[in-house]
Amino acid sequence: MSRVDRGEGFCNCSKLRVMGIGFSSRVNSEPNEIQVVLTIHVIFKEEKANDTLVRSWGTCYVAGGCGEGRRERQVRCSDPEGRTVLELMCDPITAPLKIKLCFTACRHHRVYDSEAD
């Protein structure tokens, strides 16, 4: 990961792309000394990060019809133009869950109101 001194300190610049590099120089000469000053100019452009697109959760799937199950949703990684890219190109730390646990009550788990009958 690159670090760049922007004058006021350092930045984490993993999303920056180098657009150009240049330099300027000057020579200072004193009677017994030559000093060369080289200044490097780097022009950066901040790139937009890839993003994840998320669909809504599906229904709770339970193998036996009731009890603990799971629900899924589609999550895909896309570039700033909306094109699908490899999943590893999105940040796994901030990526939303694709699967979560759910529960469908079995008939014997349900509570009935005896006064409603």
N, C-alpha and C. Protein backbone atom coordinates (compact mmCIF):
# COMPACT_ATOMS: atom_id res chain seq x y z
N MET A 1 0.85 -1.16 0.00
CA MET A 1 0.00 0.00 0.00
C MET A 1 0.90 1.23 0.00
N SER A 2 0.61 2.18 -0.81
CA SER A 2 1.46 3.36 -0.92
C SER A 2 1.04 4.42 0.08
N ARG A 3 2.00 5.20 0.49
CA ARG A 3 1.73 6.34 1.37
C ARG A 3 2.31 7.56 0.70
N VAL A 4 1.56 8.62 0.70
CA VAL A 4 1.97 9.84 0.01
C VAL A 4 1.93 10.99 0.99
N ASP A 5 2.97 11.81 0.96
CA ASP A 5 3.00 13.01 1.80
C ASP A 5 2.28 14.11 1.04
N ARG A 6 1.14 14.54 1.57
CA ARG A 6 0.37 15.61 0.93
C ARG A 6 0.67 16.96 1.58
N GLY A 7 1.76 17.05 2.27
CA GLY A 7 2.09 18.31 2.92
C GLY A 7 1.65 18.32 4.36
N GLU A 8 0.40 17.98 4.63
CA GLU A 8 -0.10 18.02 6.00
C GLU A 8 0.08 16.68 6.70
N GLY A 9 0.61 15.69 6.05
CA GLY A 9 0.81 14.37 6.66
C GLY A 9 0.73 13.31 5.59
N PHE A 10 0.47 12.11 6.02
CA PHE A 10 0.41 10.99 5.10
C PHE A 10 -1.03 10.56 4.88
N CYS A 11 -1.29 9.97 3.74
CA CYS A 11 -2.62 9.42 3.48
C CYS A 11 -2.46 7.98 3.06
N ASN A 12 -3.48 7.19 3.30
CA ASN A 12 -3.54 5.84 2.79
C ASN A 12 -4.09 5.95 1.38
N CYS A 13 -3.26 5.72 0.40
CA CYS A 13 -3.62 6.08 -0.97
C CYS A 13 -3.81 4.87 -1.87
N SER A 14 -4.40 3.80 -1.36
CA SER A 14 -4.59 2.61 -2.17
C SER A 14 -5.57 2.84 -3.31
N LYS A 15 -6.40 3.88 -3.22
CA LYS A 15 -7.38 4.17 -4.26
C LYS A 15 -6.90 5.27 -5.21
N LEU A 16 -5.62 5.63 -5.13
CA LEU A 16 -5.09 6.68 -6.00
C LEU A 16 -4.34 6.05 -7.16
N ARG A 17 -4.46 6.67 -8.32
CA ARG A 17 -3.76 6.21 -9.50
C ARG A 17 -2.84 7.34 -9.95
N VAL A 18 -1.61 7.00 -10.29
CA VAL A 18 -0.65 8.01 -10.75
C VAL A 18 -1.02 8.43 -12.16
N MET A 19 -1.21 9.72 -12.35
CA MET A 19 -1.56 10.27 -13.67
C MET A 19 -0.34 10.85 -14.38
N GLY A 20 0.63 11.28 -13.63
CA GLY A 20 1.82 11.85 -14.26
C GLY A 20 2.91 12.09 -13.24
N ILE A 21 4.14 12.04 -13.72
CA ILE A 21 5.30 12.30 -12.87
C ILE A 21 6.19 13.28 -13.62
N GLY A 22 6.66 14.26 -12.91
CA GLY A 22 7.59 15.22 -13.50
C GLY A 22 8.59 15.64 -12.46
N PHE A 23 9.57 16.39 -12.87
CA PHE A 23 10.54 16.88 -11.90
C PHE A 23 11.09 18.21 -12.37
N SER A 24 11.62 18.92 -11.42
CA SER A 24 12.33 20.16 -11.73
C SER A 24 13.61 20.15 -10.91
N SER A 25 14.61 20.81 -11.42
CA SER A 25 15.88 20.83 -10.70
C SER A 25 16.50 22.21 -10.81
N ARG A 26 17.35 22.49 -9.88
CA ARG A 26 18.12 23.72 -9.95
C ARG A 26 19.45 23.46 -9.26
N VAL A 27 20.43 24.20 -9.66
CA VAL A 27 21.77 24.05 -9.11
C VAL A 27 22.13 25.33 -8.38
N ASN A 28 22.47 25.18 -7.14
CA ASN A 28 22.97 26.30 -6.35
C ASN A 28 24.48 26.11 -6.22
N SER A 29 25.22 27.09 -6.59
CA SER A 29 26.66 26.94 -6.46
C SER A 29 27.22 27.99 -5.51
N GLU A 30 27.99 27.50 -4.62
CA GLU A 30 28.73 28.33 -3.67
C GLU A 30 30.21 28.18 -4.04
N PRO A 31 31.06 28.99 -3.48
CA PRO A 31 32.48 28.90 -3.85
C PRO A 31 33.07 27.50 -3.74
N ASN A 32 32.83 26.77 -2.69
CA ASN A 32 33.43 25.44 -2.54
C ASN A 32 32.38 24.33 -2.51
N GLU A 33 31.19 24.60 -3.02
CA GLU A 33 30.10 23.64 -2.86
C GLU A 33 29.11 23.77 -4.02
N ILE A 34 28.63 22.64 -4.49
CA ILE A 34 27.55 22.63 -5.49
C ILE A 34 26.39 21.87 -4.86
N GLN A 35 25.24 22.48 -4.91
CA GLN A 35 24.04 21.86 -4.34
C GLN A 35 23.02 21.70 -5.47
N VAL A 36 22.55 20.47 -5.67
CA VAL A 36 21.52 20.19 -6.67
C VAL A 36 20.22 19.91 -5.92
N VAL A 37 19.19 20.66 -6.26
CA VAL A 37 17.88 20.47 -5.65
C VAL A 37 16.97 19.84 -6.69
N LEU A 38 16.47 18.68 -6.39
CA LEU A 38 15.58 17.97 -7.30
C LEU A 38 14.22 17.87 -6.63
N THR A 39 13.20 18.36 -7.30
CA THR A 39 11.83 18.29 -6.81
C THR A 39 11.04 17.37 -7.73
N ILE A 40 10.39 16.38 -7.14
CA ILE A 40 9.58 15.44 -7.92
C ILE A 40 8.12 15.80 -7.74
N HIS A 41 7.41 15.90 -8.84
CA HIS A 41 5.98 16.21 -8.84
C HIS A 41 5.22 14.96 -9.30
N VAL A 42 4.29 14.51 -8.48
CA VAL A 42 3.48 13.36 -8.84
C VAL A 42 2.02 13.81 -8.82
N ILE A 43 1.32 13.55 -9.92
CA ILE A 43 -0.09 13.92 -10.01
C ILE A 43 -0.92 12.65 -9.84
N PHE A 44 -1.82 12.69 -8.86
CA PHE A 44 -2.68 11.55 -8.58
C PHE A 44 -4.12 11.86 -8.96
N LYS A 45 -4.83 10.81 -9.30
CA LYS A 45 -6.27 10.90 -9.51
C LYS A 45 -6.89 9.85 -8.60
N GLU A 46 -7.88 10.27 -7.82
CA GLU A 46 -8.54 9.32 -6.94
C GLU A 46 -9.53 8.48 -7.74
N GLU A 47 -9.37 7.17 -7.63
CA GLU A 47 -10.27 6.26 -8.34
C GLU A 47 -11.48 5.97 -7.48
N LYS A 48 -12.61 5.82 -8.11
CA LYS A 48 -13.81 5.41 -7.39
C LYS A 48 -13.67 3.94 -7.03
N ALA A 49 -14.13 3.60 -5.86
CA ALA A 49 -14.03 2.22 -5.39
C ALA A 49 -15.12 1.36 -6.03
N ASN A 50 -14.84 0.06 -6.11
CA ASN A 50 -15.87 -0.87 -6.53
C ASN A 50 -16.92 -0.94 -5.44
N ASP A 51 -18.10 -1.38 -5.80
CA ASP A 51 -19.22 -1.39 -4.87
C ASP A 51 -19.93 -2.73 -4.95
N THR A 52 -20.70 -3.04 -3.93
CA THR A 52 -21.50 -4.26 -3.96
C THR A 52 -22.96 -3.91 -4.18
N LEU A 53 -23.60 -4.69 -5.02
CA LEU A 53 -25.03 -4.54 -5.27
C LEU A 53 -25.73 -5.70 -4.58
N VAL A 54 -26.78 -5.39 -3.84
CA VAL A 54 -27.43 -6.38 -2.99
C VAL A 54 -28.90 -6.50 -3.37
N ARG A 55 -29.37 -7.72 -3.51
CA ARG A 55 -30.80 -7.99 -3.71
C ARG A 55 -31.44 -8.28 -2.36
N SER A 56 -32.76 -8.32 -2.32
CA SER A 56 -33.45 -8.58 -1.05
C SER A 56 -33.33 -10.06 -0.66
N TRP A 57 -33.56 -10.33 0.62
CA TRP A 57 -33.46 -11.69 1.14
C TRP A 57 -34.54 -12.57 0.55
N GLY A 58 -34.19 -13.81 0.25
CA GLY A 58 -35.16 -14.80 -0.22
C GLY A 58 -35.94 -15.36 0.96
N THR A 59 -36.84 -16.29 0.68
CA THR A 59 -37.63 -16.89 1.75
C THR A 59 -36.77 -17.84 2.57
N CYS A 60 -37.22 -18.14 3.75
CA CYS A 60 -36.50 -19.03 4.65
C CYS A 60 -36.62 -20.47 4.13
N TYR A 61 -35.48 -21.10 3.82
CA TYR A 61 -35.49 -22.48 3.35
C TYR A 61 -35.13 -23.38 4.53
N VAL A 62 -36.04 -24.31 4.83
CA VAL A 62 -35.82 -25.27 5.92
C VAL A 62 -35.99 -26.65 5.32
N ALA A 63 -34.98 -27.50 5.46
CA ALA A 63 -35.00 -28.83 4.84
C ALA A 63 -36.18 -29.67 5.31
N GLY A 64 -36.52 -29.65 6.60
CA GLY A 64 -37.61 -30.47 7.11
C GLY A 64 -38.95 -29.77 7.12
N GLY A 65 -39.02 -28.57 6.59
CA GLY A 65 -40.28 -27.84 6.55
C GLY A 65 -40.47 -26.87 7.71
N CYS A 66 -39.82 -27.16 8.85
CA CYS A 66 -39.89 -26.23 9.98
C CYS A 66 -38.62 -26.38 10.81
N GLY A 67 -38.37 -25.38 11.65
CA GLY A 67 -37.16 -25.36 12.46
C GLY A 67 -36.17 -24.35 11.90
N GLU A 68 -34.89 -24.61 12.18
CA GLU A 68 -33.85 -23.68 11.74
C GLU A 68 -33.54 -23.89 10.26
N GLY A 69 -33.40 -22.79 9.56
CA GLY A 69 -33.09 -22.84 8.14
C GLY A 69 -32.16 -21.71 7.76
N ARG A 70 -32.17 -21.40 6.49
CA ARG A 70 -31.33 -20.29 6.04
C ARG A 70 -32.01 -19.57 4.89
N ARG A 71 -31.68 -18.31 4.76
CA ARG A 71 -32.17 -17.52 3.63
C ARG A 71 -30.97 -16.90 2.95
N GLU A 72 -31.09 -16.71 1.66
CA GLU A 72 -29.99 -16.21 0.86
C GLU A 72 -30.41 -14.98 0.07
N ARG A 73 -29.42 -14.25 -0.37
CA ARG A 73 -29.65 -13.12 -1.28
C ARG A 73 -28.45 -13.01 -2.20
N GLN A 74 -28.68 -12.38 -3.35
CA GLN A 74 -27.59 -12.17 -4.30
C GLN A 74 -26.81 -10.93 -3.91
N VAL A 75 -25.50 -11.07 -3.90
CA VAL A 75 -24.59 -9.95 -3.66
C VAL A 75 -23.54 -10.03 -4.76
N ARG A 76 -23.37 -8.94 -5.49
CA ARG A 76 -22.35 -8.96 -6.54
C ARG A 76 -21.50 -7.71 -6.47
N CYS A 77 -20.29 -7.86 -6.91
CA CYS A 77 -19.32 -6.76 -6.90
C CYS A 77 -19.37 -6.09 -8.27
N SER A 78 -19.41 -4.76 -8.27
CA SER A 78 -19.45 -4.04 -9.55
C SER A 78 -18.48 -2.87 -9.53
N ASP A 79 -18.01 -2.51 -10.71
CA ASP A 79 -17.11 -1.36 -10.83
C ASP A 79 -17.92 -0.07 -10.86
N PRO A 80 -17.26 1.10 -10.86
CA PRO A 80 -18.00 2.37 -10.83
C PRO A 80 -18.98 2.56 -11.99
N GLU A 81 -18.78 1.84 -13.09
CA GLU A 81 -19.71 1.94 -14.22
C GLU A 81 -20.86 0.94 -14.13
N GLY A 82 -20.88 0.12 -13.07
CA GLY A 82 -21.97 -0.83 -12.87
C GLY A 82 -21.74 -2.21 -13.46
N ARG A 83 -20.56 -2.45 -14.04
CA ARG A 83 -20.26 -3.77 -14.62
C ARG A 83 -19.83 -4.73 -13.52
N THR A 84 -20.28 -5.98 -13.63
CA THR A 84 -19.91 -7.00 -12.66
C THR A 84 -18.42 -7.32 -12.79
N VAL A 85 -17.74 -7.35 -11.64
CA VAL A 85 -16.32 -7.70 -11.60
C VAL A 85 -16.13 -8.83 -10.60
N LEU A 86 -14.93 -9.38 -10.54
CA LEU A 86 -14.65 -10.48 -9.62
C LEU A 86 -14.91 -10.05 -8.18
N GLU A 87 -15.41 -10.98 -7.40
CA GLU A 87 -15.76 -10.70 -6.00
C GLU A 87 -14.56 -10.21 -5.20
N LEU A 88 -13.37 -10.72 -5.52
CA LEU A 88 -12.18 -10.31 -4.77
C LEU A 88 -11.79 -8.85 -5.00
N MET A 89 -12.44 -8.18 -5.95
CA MET A 89 -12.15 -6.78 -6.22
C MET A 89 -12.96 -5.83 -5.33
N CYS A 90 -13.83 -6.38 -4.49
CA CYS A 90 -14.56 -5.59 -3.50
C CYS A 90 -13.99 -5.89 -2.12
N ASP A 91 -14.16 -4.98 -1.21
CA ASP A 91 -13.61 -5.11 0.13
C ASP A 91 -14.37 -6.18 0.91
N PRO A 92 -13.71 -7.29 1.29
CA PRO A 92 -14.41 -8.36 2.01
C PRO A 92 -14.86 -7.95 3.41
N ILE A 93 -14.22 -6.94 3.98
CA ILE A 93 -14.58 -6.50 5.33
C ILE A 93 -15.93 -5.81 5.33
N THR A 94 -16.22 -5.05 4.30
CA THR A 94 -17.49 -4.31 4.25
C THR A 94 -18.55 -5.02 3.42
N ALA A 95 -18.21 -6.18 2.86
CA ALA A 95 -19.18 -6.90 2.02
C ALA A 95 -20.36 -7.38 2.86
N PRO A 96 -21.59 -7.21 2.36
CA PRO A 96 -22.76 -7.68 3.10
C PRO A 96 -22.87 -9.20 3.09
N LEU A 97 -23.59 -9.73 4.06
CA LEU A 97 -23.80 -11.18 4.16
C LEU A 97 -24.62 -11.69 2.98
N LYS A 98 -24.31 -12.92 2.54
CA LYS A 98 -25.08 -13.57 1.48
C LYS A 98 -26.08 -14.56 2.06
N ILE A 99 -25.76 -15.09 3.23
CA ILE A 99 -26.59 -16.12 3.86
C ILE A 99 -26.78 -15.75 5.33
N LYS A 100 -27.99 -15.95 5.83
CA LYS A 100 -28.23 -15.78 7.27
C LYS A 100 -29.21 -16.84 7.74
N LEU A 101 -29.14 -17.13 9.02
CA LEU A 101 -30.02 -18.14 9.60
C LEU A 101 -31.42 -17.56 9.79
N CYS A 102 -32.39 -18.45 9.72
CA CYS A 102 -33.78 -18.06 9.95
C CYS A 102 -34.48 -19.21 10.67
N PHE A 103 -35.70 -19.00 11.07
CA PHE A 103 -36.44 -20.03 11.80
C PHE A 103 -37.89 -20.00 11.35
N THR A 104 -38.40 -21.17 11.04
CA THR A 104 -39.82 -21.32 10.72
C THR A 104 -40.43 -22.20 11.81
N ALA A 105 -41.41 -21.67 12.49
CA ALA A 105 -42.00 -22.39 13.62
C ALA A 105 -42.72 -23.65 13.14
N CYS A 106 -42.50 -24.75 13.86
CA CYS A 106 -43.23 -25.98 13.59
C CYS A 106 -44.59 -25.88 14.26
N ARG A 107 -45.48 -26.73 13.87
CA ARG A 107 -46.84 -26.68 14.41
C ARG A 107 -46.84 -26.80 15.94
N HIS A 108 -45.97 -27.67 16.48
CA HIS A 108 -45.93 -27.86 17.93
C HIS A 108 -45.24 -26.69 18.65
N HIS A 109 -44.59 -25.78 17.92
CA HIS A 109 -43.97 -24.59 18.52
C HIS A 109 -44.95 -23.41 18.60
N ARG A 110 -46.01 -23.48 17.84
CA ARG A 110 -46.92 -22.34 17.76
C ARG A 110 -47.76 -22.22 19.03
N VAL A 111 -48.03 -21.01 19.42
CA VAL A 111 -48.85 -20.74 20.61
C VAL A 111 -50.23 -20.33 20.12
N TYR A 112 -51.24 -20.97 20.66
CA TYR A 112 -52.61 -20.66 20.27
C TYR A 112 -53.31 -19.92 21.40
N ASP A 113 -54.13 -18.98 21.03
CA ASP A 113 -54.92 -18.23 22.01
C ASP A 113 -56.23 -19.01 22.20
N SER A 114 -56.39 -19.60 23.37
CA SER A 114 -57.58 -20.43 23.62
C SER A 114 -58.86 -19.60 23.63
N GLU A 115 -58.76 -18.31 23.92
CA GLU A 115 -59.95 -17.45 23.93
C GLU A 115 -60.40 -17.10 22.52
N ALA A 116 -59.52 -17.25 21.54
CA ALA A 116 -59.88 -16.89 20.17
C ALA A 116 -60.74 -17.97 19.52
N ASP A 117 -60.73 -19.19 20.08
CA ASP A 117 -61.52 -20.29 19.48
C ASP A 117 -62.98 -20.18 19.77
